[in-house]
Amino acid sequence: MADLEPGRKPDWLKIRLSSGPNFRRLKRLMGDLNLHTVCEEARCPNIHECWEYGTATFMILGDICTRACGFCAVKTGLPTELDLAEPQRLAEAVARLGLEHVVITSVARDDLFDGGASIFADAIRAVRERAPGVTVEVLIPDFQGSAAALRVVMDAEPDILNHNVETVRRLSPRVRARATHDRSLELLRRAKEFARERGAATLTKSGLMVGLGETFDEVVETMRELRAVEVDILTIGQYLRPSRDHLPLARFWTPAEFQQLKEIGLEMGFSHVESGPLVRSSYHAHRQTRDARAAVEAAGQGAARAAAGAAAPAAGTGGGD
């Protein structure tokens, strides 16, 4: 365990800020198209690296969240608008940026009858129409447990369906406003079920933060729960307190501990594990998708070969007289 005081940031969390041409171009484009990114709203520590690389996580349904989770820097309150043209502007940004992979998330909109699911579905389809070939990942809220809302999103067939459990079961009531651990697990289970019904190859993904007071064993148990509902991709990162008004930081986890969690996750059967101090849900999302898809395909080929081998008659046996 790291013995650093929570107020002192260790060397492995110090990052180099760079505002190169791609960073400035993306920031200008977001303003021109009146779009929001979770990178800005949630004060992500990786914004300079990701934006300079030309990747961003678009945040739809406005920038005011109807929930007030203790870890999150996004503004909370009562949203005043629903922008039905937002999916088209988002798709235009994806095309103009020349992205290969796009991540679309949102604030929680408990004020809407479907939680904003229809806007997610419109955004997926708009990106597919405007920028064919781009892989689409959606990071969705829990839609207050609505299976119908989840199905609306899954019917649009995203490549990745992401929903974060955020923390371990014991801490969930304190960390996540109006969300429950079991509801999130059920959402991820249903997502796989709905994908199978459509014959879709949608991967599922979830993530959690550490540093809020959880134990190593509790994190491993949460990983087991996620594998039990067939989650493919796992992200684990360090919680960083946005302000004094947010949940206090209990401790910093070390790079060695993150590496150990990654190894345990791969042994459990996750197709990809992104685990590190600066990891956030969408960090290196394009690479996560590529690696996870390759792992799933390799596992499927291996299973097919094993099945073929089991079905083949042993040498010197079989055949009629």
C-alpha atoms as a PDB file:
ATOM      1  CA  MET A   1       0.000   0.000   0.000  1.00  0.00           C
ATOM      2  CA  ALA A   2       1.097   3.561  -0.638  1.00  0.00           C
ATOM      3  CA  ASP A   3       1.912   5.379   2.613  1.00  0.00           C
ATOM      4  CA  LEU A   4       1.637   8.861   1.085  1.00  0.00           C
ATOM      5  CA  GLU A   5      -0.657  11.406   2.669  1.00  0.00           C
ATOM      6  CA  PRO A   6      -3.849  11.722   0.590  1.00  0.00           C
ATOM      7  CA  GLY A   7      -3.160  15.418   0.024  1.00  0.00           C
ATOM      8  CA  ARG A   8       0.216  14.791  -1.593  1.00  0.00           C
ATOM      9  CA  LYS A   9       0.098  13.633  -5.190  1.00  0.00           C
ATOM     10  CA  PRO A  10       2.704  10.938  -5.927  1.00  0.00           C
ATOM     11  CA  ASP A  11       5.054  11.188  -8.895  1.00  0.00           C
ATOM     12  CA  TRP A  12       3.115   8.619 -10.925  1.00  0.00           C
ATOM     13  CA  LEU A  13       0.091  10.946 -10.983  1.00  0.00           C
ATOM     14  CA  LYS A  14       2.000  13.948 -12.300  1.00  0.00           C
ATOM     15  CA  ILE A  15       1.289  14.538 -15.968  1.00  0.00           C
ATOM     16  CA  ARG A  16       2.735  16.741 -18.681  1.00  0.00           C
ATOM     17  CA  LEU A  17       0.268  19.296 -20.004  1.00  0.00           C
ATOM     18  CA  SER A  18       0.364  19.956 -23.727  1.00  0.00           C
ATOM     19  CA  SER A  19      -1.879  22.224 -25.754  1.00  0.00           C
ATOM     20  CA  GLY A  20      -0.725  21.359 -29.257  1.00  0.00           C
ATOM     21  CA  PRO A  21      -2.518  21.995 -32.566  1.00  0.00           C
ATOM     22  CA  ASN A  22      -4.887  19.024 -32.277  1.00  0.00           C
ATOM     23  CA  PHE A  23      -5.919  20.058 -28.762  1.00  0.00           C
ATOM     24  CA  ARG A  24      -6.739  23.572 -29.946  1.00  0.00           C
ATOM     25  CA  ARG A  25      -8.526  22.299 -33.072  1.00  0.00           C
ATOM     26  CA  LEU A  26     -10.764  19.952 -31.074  1.00  0.00           C
ATOM     27  CA  LYS A  27     -11.583  22.607 -28.484  1.00  0.00           C
ATOM     28  CA  ARG A  28     -12.522  25.034 -31.268  1.00  0.00           C
ATOM     29  CA  LEU A  29     -14.698  22.417 -32.985  1.00  0.00           C
ATOM     30  CA  MET A  30     -16.590  21.627 -29.765  1.00  0.00           C
ATOM     31  CA  GLY A  31     -17.411  25.320 -29.452  1.00  0.00           C
ATOM     32  CA  ASP A  32     -18.384  25.713 -33.103  1.00  0.00           C
ATOM     33  CA  LEU A  33     -20.830  22.797 -32.941  1.00  0.00           C
ATOM     34  CA  ASN A  34     -22.110  23.587 -29.426  1.00  0.00           C
ATOM     35  CA  LEU A  35     -21.085  20.190 -28.073  1.00  0.00           C
ATOM     36  CA  HIS A  36     -19.967  19.104 -24.615  1.00  0.00           C
ATOM     37  CA  THR A  37     -17.253  16.632 -23.649  1.00  0.00           C
ATOM     38  CA  VAL A  38     -16.988  14.730 -20.401  1.00  0.00           C
ATOM     39  CA  CYS A  39     -13.249  15.402 -20.649  1.00  0.00           C
ATOM     40  CA  GLU A  40     -13.930  19.047 -19.793  1.00  0.00           C
ATOM     41  CA  GLU A  41     -17.009  18.716 -17.597  1.00  0.00           C
ATOM     42  CA  ALA A  42     -15.505  16.002 -15.361  1.00  0.00           C
ATOM     43  CA  ARG A  43     -12.022  17.610 -15.318  1.00  0.00           C
ATOM     44  CA  CYS A  44     -10.320  14.503 -16.678  1.00  0.00           C
ATOM     45  CA  PRO A  45      -6.542  14.465 -16.023  1.00  0.00           C
ATOM     46  CA  ASN A  46      -5.905  12.948 -19.461  1.00  0.00           C
ATOM     47  CA  ILE A  47      -7.618  15.656 -21.514  1.00  0.00           C
ATOM     48  CA  HIS A  48      -4.401  17.079 -22.972  1.00  0.00           C
ATOM     49  CA  GLU A  49      -3.056  13.661 -24.022  1.00  0.00           C
ATOM     50  CA  CYS A  50      -6.336  12.422 -25.496  1.00  0.00           C
ATOM     51  CA  TRP A  51      -7.256  15.633 -27.284  1.00  0.00           C
ATOM     52  CA  GLU A  52      -3.796  15.985 -28.774  1.00  0.00           C
ATOM     53  CA  TYR A  53      -4.199  12.384 -30.001  1.00  0.00           C
ATOM     54  CA  GLY A  54      -7.521  13.448 -31.574  1.00  0.00           C
ATOM     55  CA  THR A  55      -9.905  11.512 -29.334  1.00  0.00           C
ATOM     56  CA  ALA A  56     -12.637  12.810 -27.046  1.00  0.00           C
ATOM     57  CA  THR A  57     -15.664  11.534 -25.165  1.00  0.00           C
ATOM     58  CA  PHE A  58     -18.767  13.419 -26.263  1.00  0.00           C
ATOM     59  CA  MET A  59     -21.344  14.178 -23.576  1.00  0.00           C
ATOM     60  CA  ILE A  60     -24.907  14.423 -24.863  1.00  0.00           C
ATOM     61  CA  LEU A  61     -28.184  15.496 -23.235  1.00  0.00           C
ATOM     62  CA  GLY A  62     -26.727  18.741 -21.916  1.00  0.00           C
ATOM     63  CA  ASP A  63     -24.224  19.481 -19.175  1.00  0.00           C
ATOM     64  CA  ILE A  64     -26.509  19.448 -16.105  1.00  0.00           C
ATOM     65  CA  CYS A  65     -26.978  16.123 -14.300  1.00  0.00           C
ATOM     66  CA  THR A  66     -30.078  15.242 -12.296  1.00  0.00           C
ATOM     67  CA  ARG A  67     -27.959  13.327  -9.791  1.00  0.00           C
ATOM     68  CA  ALA A  68     -25.247  14.477  -7.392  1.00  0.00           C
ATOM     69  CA  CYS A  69     -22.750  11.648  -7.034  1.00  0.00           C
ATOM     70  CA  GLY A  70     -20.108  12.326  -4.413  1.00  0.00           C
ATOM     71  CA  PHE A  71     -17.158  11.733  -6.744  1.00  0.00           C
ATOM     72  CA  CYS A  72     -18.269  13.600  -9.876  1.00  0.00           C
ATOM     73  CA  ALA A  73     -17.394  17.130 -10.996  1.00  0.00           C
ATOM     74  CA  VAL A  74     -20.253  17.487 -13.510  1.00  0.00           C
ATOM     75  CA  LYS A  75     -22.796  20.196 -12.645  1.00  0.00           C
ATOM     76  CA  THR A  76     -25.999  19.037 -10.972  1.00  0.00           C
ATOM     77  CA  GLY A  77     -29.479  20.516 -11.036  1.00  0.00           C
ATOM     78  CA  LEU A  78     -32.648  20.444 -13.145  1.00  0.00           C
ATOM     79  CA  PRO A  79     -31.954  20.420 -16.909  1.00  0.00           C
ATOM     80  CA  THR A  80     -33.962  22.905 -18.941  1.00  0.00           C
ATOM     81  CA  GLU A  81     -33.645  21.596 -22.477  1.00  0.00           C
ATOM     82  CA  LEU A  82     -33.546  18.584 -24.767  1.00  0.00           C
ATOM     83  CA  ASP A  83     -31.610  19.177 -27.975  1.00  0.00           C
ATOM     84  CA  LEU A  84     -33.012  16.837 -30.618  1.00  0.00           C
ATOM     85  CA  ALA A  85     -30.468  18.051 -33.210  1.00  0.00           C
ATOM     86  CA  GLU A  86     -27.502  17.141 -31.030  1.00  0.00           C
ATOM     87  CA  PRO A  87     -26.931  13.661 -32.562  1.00  0.00           C
ATOM     88  CA  GLN A  88     -26.465  15.182 -36.026  1.00  0.00           C
ATOM     89  CA  ARG A  89     -23.943  17.752 -34.778  1.00  0.00           C
ATOM     90  CA  LEU A  90     -22.076  15.047 -32.919  1.00  0.00           C
ATOM     91  CA  ALA A  91     -21.890  12.927 -36.068  1.00  0.00           C
ATOM     92  CA  GLU A  92     -20.588  15.947 -37.988  1.00  0.00           C
ATOM     93  CA  ALA A  93     -17.818  16.408 -35.406  1.00  0.00           C
ATOM     94  CA  VAL A  94     -16.848  12.728 -35.654  1.00  0.00           C
ATOM     95  CA  ALA A  95     -16.617  13.007 -39.447  1.00  0.00           C
ATOM     96  CA  ARG A  96     -14.645  16.249 -39.379  1.00  0.00           C
ATOM     97  CA  LEU A  97     -12.194  14.872 -36.827  1.00  0.00           C
ATOM     98  CA  GLY A  98     -11.665  11.697 -38.850  1.00  0.00           C
ATOM     99  CA  LEU A  99     -12.103   9.485 -35.791  1.00  0.00           C
ATOM    100  CA  GLU A 100     -11.838   5.702 -35.911  1.00  0.00           C
ATOM    101  CA  HIS A 101     -13.561   5.211 -32.551  1.00  0.00           C
ATOM    102  CA  VAL A 102     -16.020   7.495 -30.754  1.00  0.00           C
ATOM    103  CA  VAL A 103     -17.234   7.399 -27.163  1.00  0.00           C
ATOM    104  CA  ILE A 104     -20.627   8.914 -26.372  1.00  0.00           C
ATOM    105  CA  THR A 105     -21.757   9.435 -22.790  1.00  0.00           C
ATOM    106  CA  SER A 106     -24.285  11.643 -21.028  1.00  0.00           C
ATOM    107  CA  VAL A 107     -25.375  13.208 -17.815  1.00  0.00           C
ATOM    108  CA  ALA A 108     -28.128  11.326 -15.982  1.00  0.00           C
ATOM    109  CA  ARG A 109     -31.499  12.614 -17.178  1.00  0.00           C
ATOM    110  CA  ASP A 110     -33.982  11.170 -14.692  1.00  0.00           C
ATOM    111  CA  ASP A 111     -36.377  13.926 -15.773  1.00  0.00           C
ATOM    112  CA  LEU A 112     -36.926  12.231 -19.165  1.00  0.00           C
ATOM    113  CA  PHE A 113     -39.347   9.335 -19.594  1.00  0.00           C
ATOM    114  CA  ASP A 114     -36.657   7.147 -21.193  1.00  0.00           C
ATOM    115  CA  GLY A 115     -33.651   8.701 -19.466  1.00  0.00           C
ATOM    116  CA  GLY A 116     -32.387   9.911 -22.833  1.00  0.00           C
ATOM    117  CA  ALA A 117     -32.111   6.439 -24.382  1.00  0.00           C
ATOM    118  CA  SER A 118     -33.684   7.568 -27.662  1.00  0.00           C
ATOM    119  CA  ILE A 119     -31.073  10.320 -28.058  1.00  0.00           C
ATOM    120  CA  PHE A 120     -28.304   7.760 -27.517  1.00  0.00           C
ATOM    121  CA  ALA A 121     -29.848   5.576 -30.225  1.00  0.00           C
ATOM    122  CA  ASP A 122     -30.176   8.550 -32.588  1.00  0.00           C
ATOM    123  CA  ALA A 123     -26.531   9.461 -31.982  1.00  0.00           C
ATOM    124  CA  ILE A 124     -25.333   5.923 -32.765  1.00  0.00           C
ATOM    125  CA  ARG A 125     -27.286   5.839 -36.019  1.00  0.00           C
ATOM    126  CA  ALA A 126     -26.228   9.366 -36.988  1.00  0.00           C
ATOM    127  CA  VAL A 127     -22.544   8.507 -36.564  1.00  0.00           C
ATOM    128  CA  ARG A 128     -22.957   5.322 -38.591  1.00  0.00           C
ATOM    129  CA  GLU A 129     -24.607   7.284 -41.412  1.00  0.00           C
ATOM    130  CA  ARG A 130     -22.218  10.245 -41.414  1.00  0.00           C
ATOM    131  CA  ALA A 131     -18.995   8.353 -40.687  1.00  0.00           C
ATOM    132  CA  PRO A 132     -19.287   4.706 -41.812  1.00  0.00           C
ATOM    133  CA  GLY A 133     -16.676   2.410 -40.334  1.00  0.00           C
ATOM    134  CA  VAL A 134     -16.281   4.292 -37.064  1.00  0.00           C
ATOM    135  CA  THR A 135     -16.703   2.047 -34.023  1.00  0.00           C
ATOM    136  CA  VAL A 136     -19.191   3.461 -31.534  1.00  0.00           C
ATOM    137  CA  GLU A 137     -18.977   3.102 -27.769  1.00  0.00           C
ATOM    138  CA  VAL A 138     -21.703   4.382 -25.470  1.00  0.00           C
ATOM    139  CA  LEU A 139     -21.228   4.965 -21.753  1.00  0.00           C
ATOM    140  CA  ILE A 140     -24.758   5.036 -20.397  1.00  0.00           C
ATOM    141  CA  PRO A 141     -26.467   5.824 -17.088  1.00  0.00           C
ATOM    142  CA  ASP A 142     -28.665   3.189 -15.472  1.00  0.00           C
ATOM    143  CA  PHE A 143     -31.959   4.596 -16.873  1.00  0.00           C
ATOM    144  CA  GLN A 144     -33.374   3.958 -13.375  1.00  0.00           C
ATOM    145  CA  GLY A 145     -33.400   0.250 -14.165  1.00  0.00           C
ATOM    146  CA  SER A 146     -35.648   0.494 -17.230  1.00  0.00           C
ATOM    147  CA  ALA A 147     -35.172  -2.548 -19.464  1.00  0.00           C
ATOM    148  CA  ALA A 148     -37.217  -0.825 -22.191  1.00  0.00           C
ATOM    149  CA  ALA A 149     -34.828   2.154 -22.256  1.00  0.00           C
ATOM    150  CA  LEU A 150     -31.808  -0.141 -22.411  1.00  0.00           C
ATOM    151  CA  ARG A 151     -33.370  -2.056 -25.298  1.00  0.00           C
ATOM    152  CA  VAL A 152     -33.773   1.191 -27.268  1.00  0.00           C
ATOM    153  CA  VAL A 153     -30.003   1.706 -27.039  1.00  0.00           C
ATOM    154  CA  MET A 154     -29.153  -1.929 -27.773  1.00  0.00           C
ATOM    155  CA  ASP A 155     -31.433  -1.959 -30.830  1.00  0.00           C
ATOM    156  CA  ALA A 156     -29.104   0.642 -32.355  1.00  0.00           C
ATOM    157  CA  GLU A 157     -26.291  -1.936 -31.959  1.00  0.00           C
ATOM    158  CA  PRO A 158     -23.382  -0.009 -30.433  1.00  0.00           C
ATOM    159  CA  ASP A 159     -20.027  -1.734 -30.734  1.00  0.00           C
ATOM    160  CA  ILE A 160     -19.386  -1.242 -27.009  1.00  0.00           C
ATOM    161  CA  LEU A 161     -21.995  -0.850 -24.262  1.00  0.00           C
ATOM    162  CA  ASN A 162     -20.316   0.668 -21.216  1.00  0.00           C
ATOM    163  CA  HIS A 163     -21.868   1.189 -17.794  1.00  0.00           C
ATOM    164  CA  ASN A 164     -19.690   1.809 -14.761  1.00  0.00           C
ATOM    165  CA  VAL A 165     -20.288   0.274 -11.342  1.00  0.00           C
ATOM    166  CA  GLU A 166     -17.863   2.989 -10.107  1.00  0.00           C
ATOM    167  CA  THR A 167     -17.024   1.366  -6.756  1.00  0.00           C
ATOM    168  CA  VAL A 168     -17.380  -1.747  -4.619  1.00  0.00           C
ATOM    169  CA  ARG A 169     -20.716  -2.917  -3.253  1.00  0.00           C
ATOM    170  CA  ARG A 170     -20.142  -1.683   0.326  1.00  0.00           C
ATOM    171  CA  LEU A 171     -19.349   1.877  -0.739  1.00  0.00           C
ATOM    172  CA  SER A 172     -21.944   2.210  -3.505  1.00  0.00           C
ATOM    173  CA  PRO A 173     -24.701   3.844  -1.397  1.00  0.00           C
ATOM    174  CA  ARG A 174     -22.293   6.588  -0.285  1.00  0.00           C
ATOM    175  CA  VAL A 175     -20.597   7.110  -3.652  1.00  0.00           C
ATOM    176  CA  ARG A 176     -23.441   6.867  -6.184  1.00  0.00           C
ATOM    177  CA  ALA A 177     -26.546   9.012  -5.849  1.00  0.00           C
ATOM    178  CA  ARG A 178     -29.781   7.109  -6.588  1.00  0.00           C
ATOM    179  CA  ALA A 179     -27.924   4.214  -8.208  1.00  0.00           C
ATOM    180  CA  THR A 180     -27.518   0.692  -6.843  1.00  0.00           C
ATOM    181  CA  HIS A 181     -24.839  -1.933  -7.312  1.00  0.00           C
ATOM    182  CA  ASP A 182     -27.271  -4.702  -8.233  1.00  0.00           C
ATOM    183  CA  ARG A 183     -29.133  -2.487 -10.713  1.00  0.00           C
ATOM    184  CA  SER A 184     -25.875  -1.841 -12.557  1.00  0.00           C
ATOM    185  CA  LEU A 185     -25.004  -5.533 -12.669  1.00  0.00           C
ATOM    186  CA  GLU A 186     -28.473  -6.330 -13.991  1.00  0.00           C
ATOM    187  CA  LEU A 187     -28.120  -3.682 -16.703  1.00  0.00           C
ATOM    188  CA  LEU A 188     -24.865  -5.256 -17.888  1.00  0.00           C
ATOM    189  CA  ARG A 189     -26.429  -8.733 -17.836  1.00  0.00           C
ATOM    190  CA  ARG A 190     -29.418  -7.542 -19.850  1.00  0.00           C
ATOM    191  CA  ALA A 191     -27.178  -5.805 -22.368  1.00  0.00           C
ATOM    192  CA  LYS A 192     -25.538  -9.132 -23.223  1.00  0.00           C
ATOM    193  CA  GLU A 193     -28.930 -10.825 -23.374  1.00  0.00           C
ATOM    194  CA  PHE A 194     -30.372  -8.189 -25.734  1.00  0.00           C
ATOM    195  CA  ALA A 195     -27.278  -8.321 -27.961  1.00  0.00           C
ATOM    196  CA  ARG A 196     -27.598 -12.093 -28.314  1.00  0.00           C
ATOM    197  CA  GLU A 197     -31.266 -11.774 -29.212  1.00  0.00           C
ATOM    198  CA  ARG A 198     -30.282  -9.544 -32.147  1.00  0.00           C
ATOM    199  CA  GLY A 199     -27.235 -11.604 -33.085  1.00  0.00           C
ATOM    200  CA  ALA A 200     -25.091  -8.524 -32.415  1.00  0.00           C
ATOM    201  CA  ALA A 201     -21.439  -8.686 -31.406  1.00  0.00           C
ATOM    202  CA  THR A 202     -21.696  -5.863 -28.866  1.00  0.00           C
ATOM    203  CA  LEU A 203     -18.998  -5.973 -26.202  1.00  0.00           C
ATOM    204  CA  THR A 204     -19.826  -4.870 -22.662  1.00  0.00           C
ATOM    205  CA  LYS A 205     -17.576  -2.804 -20.456  1.00  0.00           C
ATOM    206  CA  SER A 206     -17.505  -1.458 -16.913  1.00  0.00           C
ATOM    207  CA  GLY A 207     -15.144   0.403 -14.640  1.00  0.00           C
ATOM    208  CA  LEU A 208     -14.449   1.399 -11.088  1.00  0.00           C
ATOM    209  CA  MET A 209     -12.359   3.847  -9.094  1.00  0.00           C
ATOM    210  CA  VAL A 210     -10.100   2.974  -6.190  1.00  0.00           C
ATOM    211  CA  GLY A 211      -8.990   5.202  -3.351  1.00  0.00           C
ATOM    212  CA  LEU A 212     -12.361   5.716  -1.663  1.00  0.00           C
ATOM    213  CA  GLY A 213     -11.756   3.303   1.217  1.00  0.00           C
ATOM    214  CA  GLU A 214     -12.279  -0.072  -0.466  1.00  0.00           C
ATOM    215  CA  THR A 215     -10.047  -3.070   0.249  1.00  0.00           C
ATOM    216  CA  PHE A 216      -8.088  -5.060  -2.319  1.00  0.00           C
ATOM    217  CA  ASP A 217     -10.330  -8.087  -1.715  1.00  0.00           C
ATOM    218  CA  GLU A 218     -13.459  -5.991  -2.273  1.00  0.00           C
ATOM    219  CA  VAL A 219     -12.132  -4.819  -5.632  1.00  0.00           C
ATOM    220  CA  VAL A 220     -11.378  -8.398  -6.670  1.00  0.00           C
ATOM    221  CA  GLU A 221     -14.876  -9.461  -5.593  1.00  0.00           C
ATOM    222  CA  THR A 222     -16.379  -6.663  -7.721  1.00  0.00           C
ATOM    223  CA  MET A 223     -14.334  -7.909 -10.664  1.00  0.00           C
ATOM    224  CA  ARG A 224     -15.789 -11.395 -10.114  1.00  0.00           C
ATOM    225  CA  GLU A 225     -19.309  -9.949 -10.093  1.00  0.00           C
ATOM    226  CA  LEU A 226     -18.646  -8.226 -13.412  1.00  0.00           C
ATOM    227  CA  ARG A 227     -17.290 -11.389 -15.004  1.00  0.00           C
ATOM    228  CA  ALA A 228     -20.346 -13.279 -13.733  1.00  0.00           C
ATOM    229  CA  VAL A 229     -22.486 -11.059 -16.013  1.00  0.00           C
ATOM    230  CA  GLU A 230     -19.995 -11.559 -18.882  1.00  0.00           C
ATOM    231  CA  VAL A 231     -18.442  -8.084 -18.982  1.00  0.00           C
ATOM    232  CA  ASP A 232     -15.665  -8.082 -21.614  1.00  0.00           C
ATOM    233  CA  ILE A 233     -13.662  -4.931 -20.839  1.00  0.00           C
ATOM    234  CA  LEU A 234     -12.699  -3.615 -17.405  1.00  0.00           C
ATOM    235  CA  THR A 235     -11.179  -0.261 -16.456  1.00  0.00           C
ATOM    236  CA  ILE A 236      -9.711   0.562 -13.037  1.00  0.00           C
ATOM    237  CA  GLY A 237      -8.304   3.966 -12.094  1.00  0.00           C
ATOM    238  CA  GLN A 238      -7.370   6.143  -9.147  1.00  0.00           C
ATOM    239  CA  TYR A 239     -10.036   8.385  -7.629  1.00  0.00           C
ATOM    240  CA  LEU A 240      -8.918  12.021  -7.549  1.00  0.00           C
ATOM    241  CA  ARG A 241     -11.002  14.399  -5.464  1.00  0.00           C
ATOM    242  CA  PRO A 242     -12.354  17.192  -7.706  1.00  0.00           C
ATOM    243  CA  SER A 243     -12.862  19.628  -4.813  1.00  0.00           C
ATOM    244  CA  ARG A 244     -13.305  19.842  -1.040  1.00  0.00           C
ATOM    245  CA  ASP A 245     -17.044  19.444  -1.613  1.00  0.00           C
ATOM    246  CA  HIS A 246     -16.538  15.927  -2.972  1.00  0.00           C
ATOM    247  CA  LEU A 247     -15.832  12.624  -1.242  1.00  0.00           C
ATOM    248  CA  PRO A 248     -12.465  12.557   0.531  1.00  0.00           C
ATOM    249  CA  LEU A 249      -9.585  10.526  -0.836  1.00  0.00           C
ATOM    250  CA  ALA A 250      -8.697   7.580   1.399  1.00  0.00           C
ATOM    251  CA  ARG A 251      -5.375   6.645  -0.199  1.00  0.00           C
ATOM    252  CA  PHE A 252      -3.381   6.398  -3.401  1.00  0.00           C
ATOM    253  CA  TRP A 253      -3.031   2.947  -4.933  1.00  0.00           C
ATOM    254  CA  THR A 254       0.393   2.141  -6.355  1.00  0.00           C
ATOM    255  CA  PRO A 255       1.228   1.207  -9.961  1.00  0.00           C
ATOM    256  CA  ALA A 256       2.199  -2.258  -8.700  1.00  0.00           C
ATOM    257  CA  GLU A 257      -1.276  -2.765  -7.228  1.00  0.00           C
ATOM    258  CA  PHE A 258      -2.919  -1.674 -10.485  1.00  0.00           C
ATOM    259  CA  GLN A 259      -0.716  -4.128 -12.381  1.00  0.00           C
ATOM    260  CA  GLN A 260      -1.707  -6.908  -9.985  1.00  0.00           C
ATOM    261  CA  LEU A 261      -5.399  -6.143 -10.552  1.00  0.00           C
ATOM    262  CA  LYS A 262      -4.823  -6.246 -14.311  1.00  0.00           C
ATOM    263  CA  GLU A 263      -3.224  -9.687 -14.089  1.00  0.00           C
ATOM    264  CA  ILE A 264      -6.033 -10.988 -11.885  1.00  0.00           C
ATOM    265  CA  GLY A 265      -8.626  -9.599 -14.303  1.00  0.00           C
ATOM    266  CA  LEU A 266      -7.049 -11.266 -17.316  1.00  0.00           C
ATOM    267  CA  GLU A 267      -6.906 -14.555 -15.418  1.00  0.00           C
ATOM    268  CA  MET A 268     -10.638 -14.173 -14.673  1.00  0.00           C
ATOM    269  CA  GLY A 269     -11.360 -13.985 -18.387  1.00  0.00           C
ATOM    270  CA  PHE A 270     -11.805 -10.295 -19.181  1.00  0.00           C
ATOM    271  CA  SER A 271     -10.872  -9.712 -22.815  1.00  0.00           C
ATOM    272  CA  HIS A 272      -9.103  -6.474 -21.918  1.00  0.00           C
ATOM    273  CA  VAL A 273      -8.180  -4.808 -18.616  1.00  0.00           C
ATOM    274  CA  GLU A 274      -7.038  -1.180 -18.523  1.00  0.00           C
ATOM    275  CA  SER A 275      -5.715  -0.663 -14.993  1.00  0.00           C
ATOM    276  CA  GLY A 276      -3.546   2.232 -13.858  1.00  0.00           C
ATOM    277  CA  PRO A 277      -3.473   5.394 -11.743  1.00  0.00           C
ATOM    278  CA  LEU A 278      -4.572   7.716 -14.564  1.00  0.00           C
ATOM    279  CA  VAL A 279      -7.003   5.320 -16.237  1.00  0.00           C
ATOM    280  CA  ARG A 280     -10.500   6.636 -16.828  1.00  0.00           C
ATOM    281  CA  SER A 281     -13.373   4.832 -18.481  1.00  0.00           C
ATOM    282  CA  SER A 282     -12.578   6.094 -21.983  1.00  0.00           C
ATOM    283  CA  TYR A 283      -8.781   6.254 -21.658  1.00  0.00           C
ATOM    284  CA  HIS A 284      -7.260   4.585 -24.759  1.00  0.00           C
ATOM    285  CA  ALA A 285     -10.779   3.409 -25.637  1.00  0.00           C
ATOM    286  CA  HIS A 286      -9.803   2.790 -29.265  1.00  0.00           C
ATOM    287  CA  ARG A 287      -7.066   0.395 -28.145  1.00  0.00           C
ATOM    288  CA  GLN A 288      -9.333  -1.285 -25.597  1.00  0.00           C
ATOM    289  CA  THR A 289     -11.878  -2.034 -28.309  1.00  0.00           C
ATOM    290  CA  ARG A 290      -9.288  -3.368 -30.766  1.00  0.00           C
ATOM    291  CA  ASP A 291      -7.621  -5.624 -28.202  1.00  0.00           C
ATOM    292  CA  ALA A 292     -10.878  -6.893 -26.708  1.00  0.00           C
ATOM    293  CA  ARG A 293     -12.347  -7.682 -30.119  1.00  0.00           C
ATOM    294  CA  ALA A 294      -9.191  -9.582 -31.070  1.00  0.00           C
ATOM    295  CA  ALA A 295      -9.286 -11.542 -27.806  1.00  0.00           C
ATOM    296  CA  VAL A 296     -12.955 -12.445 -28.249  1.00  0.00           C
ATOM    297  CA  GLU A 297     -12.358 -13.584 -31.827  1.00  0.00           C
ATOM    298  CA  ALA A 298      -9.326 -15.638 -30.793  1.00  0.00           C
ATOM    299  CA  ALA A 299     -11.312 -17.292 -28.007  1.00  0.00           C
ATOM    300  CA  GLY A 300     -14.120 -18.099 -30.444  1.00  0.00           C
ATOM    301  CA  GLN A 301     -11.699 -19.643 -32.932  1.00  0.00           C
ATOM    302  CA  GLY A 302     -10.103 -21.676 -30.166  1.00  0.00           C
ATOM    303  CA  ALA A 303     -13.469 -22.970 -29.016  1.00  0.00           C
ATOM    304  CA  ALA A 304     -14.414 -23.858 -32.592  1.00  0.00           C
ATOM    305  CA  ARG A 305     -11.190 -25.805 -33.086  1.00  0.00           C
ATOM    306  CA  ALA A 306     -11.711 -27.648 -29.801  1.00  0.00           C
ATOM    307  CA  ALA A 307     -15.270 -28.531 -30.762  1.00  0.00           C
ATOM    308  CA  ALA A 308     -14.149 -29.757 -34.190  1.00  0.00           C
ATOM    309  CA  GLY A 309     -11.460 -31.876 -32.602  1.00  0.00           C
ATOM    310  CA  ALA A 310     -13.905 -33.434 -30.168  1.00  0.00           C
ATOM    311  CA  ALA A 311     -16.339 -34.240 -32.974  1.00  0.00           C
ATOM    312  CA  ALA A 312     -13.751 -35.877 -35.249  1.00  0.00           C
ATOM    313  CA  PRO A 313     -13.477 -39.705 -35.010  1.00  0.00           C
ATOM    314  CA  ALA A 314     -10.278 -41.051 -33.504  1.00  0.00           C
ATOM    315  CA  ALA A 315      -7.751 -42.536 -35.975  1.00  0.00           C
ATOM    316  CA  GLY A 316      -8.546 -46.163 -36.862  1.00  0.00           C
ATOM    317  CA  THR A 317     -12.085 -46.079 -35.576  1.00  0.00           C
ATOM    318  CA  GLY A 318     -15.468 -45.531 -37.128  1.00  0.00           C
ATOM    319  CA  GLY A 319     -16.670 -46.452 -40.589  1.00  0.00           C
ATOM    320  CA  GLY A 320     -18.968 -49.268 -41.656  1.00  0.00           C
ATOM    321  CA  ASP A 321     -18.251 -52.765 -42.878  1.00  0.00           C
END
